[in-house]
Amino acid sequence: MASYKRIGIFGGSFDPPHYGHLILAREAQRAFKLSKVFFVPTYRHPFKKRAWASGRQRMKMVELAIEGDRNFAASDFEIKKKGPSFTYDTLEYFRGLFGTETQLYFLAGFDCLGELAKWKNAGKLKKMARFIGAPRPNTAKPRRRAYAGSVNMPLIDISSSGIRRSIKHSRPVRYMLPDKVLKFIERNRIYK
């Protein structure tokens, strides 16, 4: 594994990945001088009832979304691990991969960071990684103690749930997510 000073870890359902995810990752990479941002699709999100696409499908959509961008990579750690996906376990995995010389940054929306106290081993998480917050529509900024810094990016009112609803009702979503991802969704009839 390559040696990096700073890496970003972007966990989430990515059901499906969209331009809001990509812009957040790009802005975090630039602002925090991250060597690489790893997208880590969850197998099973501990706070959500279900994923609509399978783990394998979400992993493939992430790979298609970031294809050709050498600053981004996809990790199937949580998909292969199965069971509920916990940030604590994922940070331990990346610490094992890169060692103590690499600073870990975890990317999350302010909506997620507001719930940080409910996460597994919450008290240890901030010792394992620095948390980067991102603005979300209709979400207040959490108390500053919850994160190390934030990304200065436009508020992008695109959500995976909104995309799924639009696809289900045959409404256009073309400019919300990469064309390769949309073609994969259409070809496999995901979210119909």
Foldseek 3Di string as FASTA:
>chain_A
DDAWAEEEEEEEQCLPPWVVVVVQLVLCCVVVVHQAYEYEHAQAEPPDPGRQDHLVLNQVNVCVQCPPPPRYHYDDVRNVVDDHDAVVVVLVVVCVVHPPSHAYEYEDEQVVLLCLVVGVVSVCVVVSHFYEYEYEPPHDHHPPVSGDYYGPDDHDHDDSVVVLVCVLVVHDDPNTHDPVSVVSCVVVVGSD
